[in-house]
């Protein structure tokens, strides 16, 4: 399965894309020969417990999952498998979260938190590690990010090689045209958020560009 693990709808304060626009865009990409099986809406500093996209997903035969992108003192983290219990323990809106505590809390609640765009200049994990910070619980990072500037994905590549991290791919879409620019390829079928967490924990996945999914 090819899943875009990082996207933002109008539920995030800096995005102009509606979920309906994303799924229609994916359908357009499919008609052009690309393979996109699902997207994950990782809204900023929140988790939309009240939103249900199952009907829309069924209509377009597209997996639509939900996650979060949280601010921490050591950069942004993508969280998959968010539960109400985790949201009670961690203030999702707190921009000064301790990344290490977030990762540990996520695992206590059967979720997983991974660094987003670690090569991003100024706010990526690479910068903090160069300052002497260490993150023993990091095993996976976002290796391909569709919104990265020149050199940033390359920094993430180097980080993965040096630290032996696994890498995911996500578009970081804020506009309809950006969805599915980068994806993560999984060999197993994923049907819900918990399946996604378990698939990530296996370490068996690969970040890809949209072009890599084109049939023929």
C-alpha atoms as a PDB file:
ATOM      1  CA  UNK A   1       0.000   0.000   0.000  1.00  0.00           C
ATOM      2  CA  UNK A   2       1.099   3.541  -0.753  1.00  0.00           C
ATOM      3  CA  UNK A   3       0.085   6.009   1.953  1.00  0.00           C
ATOM      4  CA  UNK A   4       0.763   9.729   2.279  1.00  0.00           C
ATOM      5  CA  UNK A   5       1.574   9.954   5.992  1.00  0.00           C
ATOM      6  CA  UNK A   6       1.630  13.749   6.319  1.00  0.00           C
ATOM      7  CA  UNK A   7      -1.081  16.153   5.161  1.00  0.00           C
ATOM      8  CA  UNK A   8      -3.137  19.067   6.434  1.00  0.00           C
ATOM      9  CA  UNK A   9      -6.725  20.030   5.698  1.00  0.00           C
ATOM     10  CA  UNK A  10      -8.542  23.255   6.553  1.00  0.00           C
ATOM     11  CA  UNK A  11      -8.747  21.877  10.086  1.00  0.00           C
ATOM     12  CA  UNK A  12      -5.147  23.081  10.379  1.00  0.00           C
ATOM     13  CA  UNK A  13      -4.806  26.853  10.637  1.00  0.00           C
ATOM     14  CA  UNK A  14      -2.380  27.165   7.719  1.00  0.00           C
ATOM     15  CA  UNK A  15      -4.033  24.912   5.111  1.00  0.00           C
ATOM     16  CA  UNK A  16      -6.555  25.825   2.430  1.00  0.00           C
ATOM     17  CA  UNK A  17      -7.421  22.309   1.249  1.00  0.00           C
ATOM     18  CA  UNK A  18     -10.609  20.455   2.153  1.00  0.00           C
ATOM     19  CA  UNK A  19     -10.513  16.702   2.589  1.00  0.00           C
ATOM     20  CA  UNK A  20     -12.984  16.330  -0.277  1.00  0.00           C
ATOM     21  CA  UNK A  21     -10.530  18.163  -2.538  1.00  0.00           C
ATOM     22  CA  UNK A  22      -7.717  15.832  -1.511  1.00  0.00           C
ATOM     23  CA  UNK A  23      -9.636  12.662  -2.292  1.00  0.00           C
ATOM     24  CA  UNK A  24     -10.758  14.030  -5.651  1.00  0.00           C
ATOM     25  CA  UNK A  25      -7.161  14.941  -6.443  1.00  0.00           C
ATOM     26  CA  UNK A  26      -6.094  11.407  -5.562  1.00  0.00           C
ATOM     27  CA  UNK A  27      -8.711  10.061  -7.945  1.00  0.00           C
ATOM     28  CA  UNK A  28      -7.262  12.287 -10.671  1.00  0.00           C
ATOM     29  CA  UNK A  29      -3.769  10.949  -9.950  1.00  0.00           C
ATOM     30  CA  UNK A  30      -5.033   7.391 -10.155  1.00  0.00           C
ATOM     31  CA  UNK A  31      -6.533   8.095 -13.561  1.00  0.00           C
ATOM     32  CA  UNK A  32      -3.067   9.265 -14.630  1.00  0.00           C
ATOM     33  CA  UNK A  33      -1.585   5.909 -13.630  1.00  0.00           C
ATOM     34  CA  UNK A  34      -0.270   6.640 -10.140  1.00  0.00           C
ATOM     35  CA  UNK A  35      -0.986   4.426  -7.138  1.00  0.00           C
ATOM     36  CA  UNK A  36      -2.237   6.159  -3.996  1.00  0.00           C
ATOM     37  CA  UNK A  37      -4.064   3.985  -1.481  1.00  0.00           C
ATOM     38  CA  UNK A  38      -4.559   6.397   1.396  1.00  0.00           C
ATOM     39  CA  UNK A  39      -3.772   9.625   3.158  1.00  0.00           C
ATOM     40  CA  UNK A  40      -3.267  10.554   6.797  1.00  0.00           C
ATOM     41  CA  UNK A  41      -4.544  13.931   7.988  1.00  0.00           C
ATOM     42  CA  UNK A  42      -1.961  15.098  10.529  1.00  0.00           C
ATOM     43  CA  UNK A  43      -3.539  18.314  11.732  1.00  0.00           C
ATOM     44  CA  UNK A  44      -1.439  20.840  13.624  1.00  0.00           C
ATOM     45  CA  UNK A  45      -1.542  20.712  17.428  1.00  0.00           C
ATOM     46  CA  UNK A  46      -4.812  18.774  17.598  1.00  0.00           C
ATOM     47  CA  UNK A  47      -6.610  15.540  16.823  1.00  0.00           C
ATOM     48  CA  UNK A  48     -10.070  15.641  15.274  1.00  0.00           C
ATOM     49  CA  UNK A  49     -11.925  13.101  17.380  1.00  0.00           C
ATOM     50  CA  UNK A  50     -15.234  14.531  16.111  1.00  0.00           C
ATOM     51  CA  UNK A  51     -14.538  14.114  12.391  1.00  0.00           C
ATOM     52  CA  UNK A  52     -15.543  10.971  10.491  1.00  0.00           C
ATOM     53  CA  UNK A  53     -14.348  10.562   6.921  1.00  0.00           C
ATOM     54  CA  UNK A  54     -15.467   6.945   6.474  1.00  0.00           C
ATOM     55  CA  UNK A  55     -18.293   7.733   4.055  1.00  0.00           C
ATOM     56  CA  UNK A  56     -16.052   9.887   1.884  1.00  0.00           C
ATOM     57  CA  UNK A  57     -13.331   7.246   1.995  1.00  0.00           C
ATOM     58  CA  UNK A  58     -15.741   4.539   0.927  1.00  0.00           C
ATOM     59  CA  UNK A  59     -17.106   6.663  -1.922  1.00  0.00           C
ATOM     60  CA  UNK A  60     -13.625   7.086  -3.403  1.00  0.00           C
ATOM     61  CA  UNK A  61     -12.173   3.748  -2.273  1.00  0.00           C
ATOM     62  CA  UNK A  62      -9.425   5.601  -0.429  1.00  0.00           C
ATOM     63  CA  UNK A  63      -8.135   5.057   3.081  1.00  0.00           C
ATOM     64  CA  UNK A  64      -8.453   8.304   5.059  1.00  0.00           C
ATOM     65  CA  UNK A  65      -6.813   8.147   8.471  1.00  0.00           C
ATOM     66  CA  UNK A  66      -6.234  10.773  11.138  1.00  0.00           C
ATOM     67  CA  UNK A  67      -3.141  11.739  13.097  1.00  0.00           C
ATOM     68  CA  UNK A  68      -1.486  14.833  14.534  1.00  0.00           C
ATOM     69  CA  UNK A  69       1.534  17.027  13.958  1.00  0.00           C
ATOM     70  CA  UNK A  70       2.637  18.420  17.294  1.00  0.00           C
ATOM     71  CA  UNK A  71       5.107  21.156  18.142  1.00  0.00           C
ATOM     72  CA  UNK A  72       7.810  20.293  20.670  1.00  0.00           C
ATOM     73  CA  UNK A  73      10.914  21.963  22.036  1.00  0.00           C
ATOM     74  CA  UNK A  74      12.881  19.793  19.608  1.00  0.00           C
ATOM     75  CA  UNK A  75      10.924  20.226  16.407  1.00  0.00           C
ATOM     76  CA  UNK A  76       7.677  18.882  15.010  1.00  0.00           C
ATOM     77  CA  UNK A  77       6.516  15.310  15.572  1.00  0.00           C
ATOM     78  CA  UNK A  78       3.968  13.264  13.663  1.00  0.00           C
ATOM     79  CA  UNK A  79       1.784  11.157  15.938  1.00  0.00           C
ATOM     80  CA  UNK A  80      -0.153   8.141  14.714  1.00  0.00           C
ATOM     81  CA  UNK A  81      -2.673   6.160  16.751  1.00  0.00           C
ATOM     82  CA  UNK A  82      -3.804   9.100  18.901  1.00  0.00           C
ATOM     83  CA  UNK A  83      -6.322   8.060  21.550  1.00  0.00           C
ATOM     84  CA  UNK A  84      -8.424  10.040  24.009  1.00  0.00           C
ATOM     85  CA  UNK A  85      -6.251   8.700  26.812  1.00  0.00           C
ATOM     86  CA  UNK A  86      -3.105  10.046  25.134  1.00  0.00           C
ATOM     87  CA  UNK A  87      -4.785  13.413  24.540  1.00  0.00           C
ATOM     88  CA  UNK A  88      -5.623  13.585  28.247  1.00  0.00           C
ATOM     89  CA  UNK A  89      -2.047  12.862  29.267  1.00  0.00           C
ATOM     90  CA  UNK A  90      -0.425  15.159  26.686  1.00  0.00           C
ATOM     91  CA  UNK A  91      -1.673  18.655  25.859  1.00  0.00           C
ATOM     92  CA  UNK A  92      -1.686  18.457  22.079  1.00  0.00           C
ATOM     93  CA  UNK A  93      -1.835  22.239  21.771  1.00  0.00           C
ATOM     94  CA  UNK A  94       1.265  22.855  23.914  1.00  0.00           C
ATOM     95  CA  UNK A  95       4.022  24.153  21.624  1.00  0.00           C
ATOM     96  CA  UNK A  96       6.629  23.513  24.327  1.00  0.00           C
ATOM     97  CA  UNK A  97       6.111  19.783  24.669  1.00  0.00           C
ATOM     98  CA  UNK A  98       9.151  17.722  25.588  1.00  0.00           C
ATOM     99  CA  UNK A  99       9.701  15.485  22.558  1.00  0.00           C
ATOM    100  CA  UNK A 100      11.143  12.675  24.648  1.00  0.00           C
ATOM    101  CA  UNK A 101       8.124  12.641  26.964  1.00  0.00           C
ATOM    102  CA  UNK A 102       5.816  12.737  23.939  1.00  0.00           C
ATOM    103  CA  UNK A 103       7.447   9.676  22.366  1.00  0.00           C
ATOM    104  CA  UNK A 104       7.255   7.737  25.615  1.00  0.00           C
ATOM    105  CA  UNK A 105       3.643   8.726  26.267  1.00  0.00           C
ATOM    106  CA  UNK A 106       2.682   7.736  22.739  1.00  0.00           C
ATOM    107  CA  UNK A 107       4.045   4.232  23.207  1.00  0.00           C
ATOM    108  CA  UNK A 108       2.276   3.860  26.579  1.00  0.00           C
ATOM    109  CA  UNK A 109      -0.974   4.456  24.708  1.00  0.00           C
ATOM    110  CA  UNK A 110      -0.228   2.191  21.717  1.00  0.00           C
ATOM    111  CA  UNK A 111       0.587   5.190  19.508  1.00  0.00           C
ATOM    112  CA  UNK A 112       3.851   6.275  17.908  1.00  0.00           C
ATOM    113  CA  UNK A 113       5.489   9.700  17.517  1.00  0.00           C
ATOM    114  CA  UNK A 114       8.192  10.318  14.926  1.00  0.00           C
ATOM    115  CA  UNK A 115      10.142  13.458  13.968  1.00  0.00           C
ATOM    116  CA  UNK A 116       8.682  15.342  11.011  1.00  0.00           C
ATOM    117  CA  UNK A 117      10.994  16.844   8.365  1.00  0.00           C
ATOM    118  CA  UNK A 118      14.116  16.302  10.515  1.00  0.00           C
ATOM    119  CA  UNK A 119      16.335  18.009   7.960  1.00  0.00           C
ATOM    120  CA  UNK A 120      14.375  21.263   7.996  1.00  0.00           C
ATOM    121  CA  UNK A 121      16.690  24.160   8.665  1.00  0.00           C
ATOM    122  CA  UNK A 122      16.149  25.793  12.040  1.00  0.00           C
ATOM    123  CA  UNK A 123      13.492  23.453  13.431  1.00  0.00           C
ATOM    124  CA  UNK A 124      14.482  19.928  12.354  1.00  0.00           C
ATOM    125  CA  UNK A 125      15.851  17.176  14.555  1.00  0.00           C
ATOM    126  CA  UNK A 126      19.214  17.369  12.782  1.00  0.00           C
ATOM    127  CA  UNK A 127      19.791  20.863  14.165  1.00  0.00           C
ATOM    128  CA  UNK A 128      19.060  19.773  17.729  1.00  0.00           C
ATOM    129  CA  UNK A 129      21.301  16.732  17.462  1.00  0.00           C
ATOM    130  CA  UNK A 130      24.093  18.951  16.149  1.00  0.00           C
ATOM    131  CA  UNK A 131      23.609  21.025  19.311  1.00  0.00           C
ATOM    132  CA  UNK A 132      24.322  17.921  21.400  1.00  0.00           C
ATOM    133  CA  UNK A 133      20.806  16.673  22.107  1.00  0.00           C
ATOM    134  CA  UNK A 134      20.203  12.921  21.970  1.00  0.00           C
ATOM    135  CA  UNK A 135      16.983  11.006  21.408  1.00  0.00           C
ATOM    136  CA  UNK A 136      17.271   7.369  22.409  1.00  0.00           C
ATOM    137  CA  UNK A 137      13.671   6.551  21.476  1.00  0.00           C
ATOM    138  CA  UNK A 138      13.899   7.757  17.886  1.00  0.00           C
ATOM    139  CA  UNK A 139      14.036   4.867  15.446  1.00  0.00           C
ATOM    140  CA  UNK A 140      11.953   6.303  12.600  1.00  0.00           C
ATOM    141  CA  UNK A 141      11.947   9.775  11.036  1.00  0.00           C
ATOM    142  CA  UNK A 142      10.214  11.363   8.072  1.00  0.00           C
ATOM    143  CA  UNK A 143      12.858  10.901   5.396  1.00  0.00           C
ATOM    144  CA  UNK A 144      10.973  12.342   2.406  1.00  0.00           C
ATOM    145  CA  UNK A 145       8.903  15.490   2.868  1.00  0.00           C
ATOM    146  CA  UNK A 146       7.142  17.061  -0.086  1.00  0.00           C
ATOM    147  CA  UNK A 147       7.379  20.548   1.379  1.00  0.00           C
ATOM    148  CA  UNK A 148      11.114  20.518   2.013  1.00  0.00           C
ATOM    149  CA  UNK A 149      13.444  23.085   0.511  1.00  0.00           C
ATOM    150  CA  UNK A 150      16.652  22.236  -1.325  1.00  0.00           C
ATOM    151  CA  UNK A 151      19.015  20.327   0.923  1.00  0.00           C
ATOM    152  CA  UNK A 152      16.506  19.438   3.637  1.00  0.00           C
ATOM    153  CA  UNK A 153      15.549  15.956   2.447  1.00  0.00           C
ATOM    154  CA  UNK A 154      19.235  15.364   1.817  1.00  0.00           C
ATOM    155  CA  UNK A 155      19.942  16.174   5.471  1.00  0.00           C
ATOM    156  CA  UNK A 156      17.233  13.696   6.461  1.00  0.00           C
ATOM    157  CA  UNK A 157      18.827  11.073   4.194  1.00  0.00           C
ATOM    158  CA  UNK A 158      22.186  11.598   5.848  1.00  0.00           C
ATOM    159  CA  UNK A 159      20.610  11.364   9.305  1.00  0.00           C
ATOM    160  CA  UNK A 160      18.993   8.039   8.450  1.00  0.00           C
ATOM    161  CA  UNK A 161      22.268   6.645   7.135  1.00  0.00           C
ATOM    162  CA  UNK A 162      24.340   7.839  10.100  1.00  0.00           C
ATOM    163  CA  UNK A 163      21.856   6.792  12.789  1.00  0.00           C
ATOM    164  CA  UNK A 164      20.427   3.738  11.012  1.00  0.00           C
ATOM    165  CA  UNK A 165      16.922   5.190  11.226  1.00  0.00           C
ATOM    166  CA  UNK A 166      13.993   3.942   9.195  1.00  0.00           C
ATOM    167  CA  UNK A 167      12.359   6.602   7.018  1.00  0.00           C
ATOM    168  CA  UNK A 168       8.807   7.462   5.999  1.00  0.00           C
ATOM    169  CA  UNK A 169       7.473   9.697   3.247  1.00  0.00           C
ATOM    170  CA  UNK A 170       4.725  12.308   3.325  1.00  0.00           C
ATOM    171  CA  UNK A 171       3.665  15.235   1.194  1.00  0.00           C
ATOM    172  CA  UNK A 172       3.170  17.763   4.010  1.00  0.00           C
ATOM    173  CA  UNK A 173       0.371  19.023   1.764  1.00  0.00           C
ATOM    174  CA  UNK A 174      -1.356  22.307   2.609  1.00  0.00           C
ATOM    175  CA  UNK A 175      -2.785  22.773  -0.889  1.00  0.00           C
ATOM    176  CA  UNK A 176      -4.801  20.313  -2.956  1.00  0.00           C
ATOM    177  CA  UNK A 177      -2.145  20.052  -5.664  1.00  0.00           C
ATOM    178  CA  UNK A 178       0.472  18.933  -3.127  1.00  0.00           C
ATOM    179  CA  UNK A 179      -1.226  15.770  -1.880  1.00  0.00           C
ATOM    180  CA  UNK A 180       0.665  12.489  -2.384  1.00  0.00           C
ATOM    181  CA  UNK A 181       3.894  14.136  -3.592  1.00  0.00           C
ATOM    182  CA  UNK A 182       5.698  11.735  -1.244  1.00  0.00           C
ATOM    183  CA  UNK A 183       4.357   8.497   0.187  1.00  0.00           C
ATOM    184  CA  UNK A 184       5.323   5.502   2.270  1.00  0.00           C
ATOM    185  CA  UNK A 185       5.187   2.034   0.740  1.00  0.00           C
ATOM    186  CA  UNK A 186       3.998  -0.791   3.008  1.00  0.00           C
ATOM    187  CA  UNK A 187       3.959  -4.489   2.029  1.00  0.00           C
ATOM    188  CA  UNK A 188       1.002  -5.208   4.306  1.00  0.00           C
ATOM    189  CA  UNK A 189      -2.622  -4.091   4.196  1.00  0.00           C
ATOM    190  CA  UNK A 190      -3.541  -1.214   6.502  1.00  0.00           C
ATOM    191  CA  UNK A 191      -7.173  -0.531   7.385  1.00  0.00           C
ATOM    192  CA  UNK A 192      -7.074   1.791  10.402  1.00  0.00           C
ATOM    193  CA  UNK A 193      -4.818   3.888  12.622  1.00  0.00           C
ATOM    194  CA  UNK A 194      -3.784   0.955  14.813  1.00  0.00           C
ATOM    195  CA  UNK A 195      -2.790  -1.064  11.753  1.00  0.00           C
ATOM    196  CA  UNK A 196      -0.610   1.873  10.730  1.00  0.00           C
ATOM    197  CA  UNK A 197       1.111   2.007  14.123  1.00  0.00           C
ATOM    198  CA  UNK A 198       1.806  -1.718  14.001  1.00  0.00           C
ATOM    199  CA  UNK A 199       3.126  -1.475  10.440  1.00  0.00           C
ATOM    200  CA  UNK A 200       5.502   1.301  11.452  1.00  0.00           C
ATOM    201  CA  UNK A 201       6.733  -0.673  14.443  1.00  0.00           C
ATOM    202  CA  UNK A 202       7.750  -3.549  12.168  1.00  0.00           C
ATOM    203  CA  UNK A 203      10.167  -1.244  10.332  1.00  0.00           C
ATOM    204  CA  UNK A 204       9.114  -2.772   7.002  1.00  0.00           C
ATOM    205  CA  UNK A 205       8.346   0.246   4.814  1.00  0.00           C
ATOM    206  CA  UNK A 206      10.010   2.542   2.313  1.00  0.00           C
ATOM    207  CA  UNK A 207       9.624   6.257   1.479  1.00  0.00           C
ATOM    208  CA  UNK A 208       8.862   6.925  -2.197  1.00  0.00           C
ATOM    209  CA  UNK A 209       8.102   9.775  -4.553  1.00  0.00           C
ATOM    210  CA  UNK A 210       4.745   9.802  -6.314  1.00  0.00           C
ATOM    211  CA  UNK A 211       6.516   9.106  -9.610  1.00  0.00           C
ATOM    212  CA  UNK A 212       7.786   5.809  -8.194  1.00  0.00           C
ATOM    213  CA  UNK A 213       4.198   4.516  -8.007  1.00  0.00           C
ATOM    214  CA  UNK A 214       3.336   5.066 -11.652  1.00  0.00           C
ATOM    215  CA  UNK A 215       2.163   1.906 -13.343  1.00  0.00           C
ATOM    216  CA  UNK A 216       4.009   0.948 -16.495  1.00  0.00           C
END
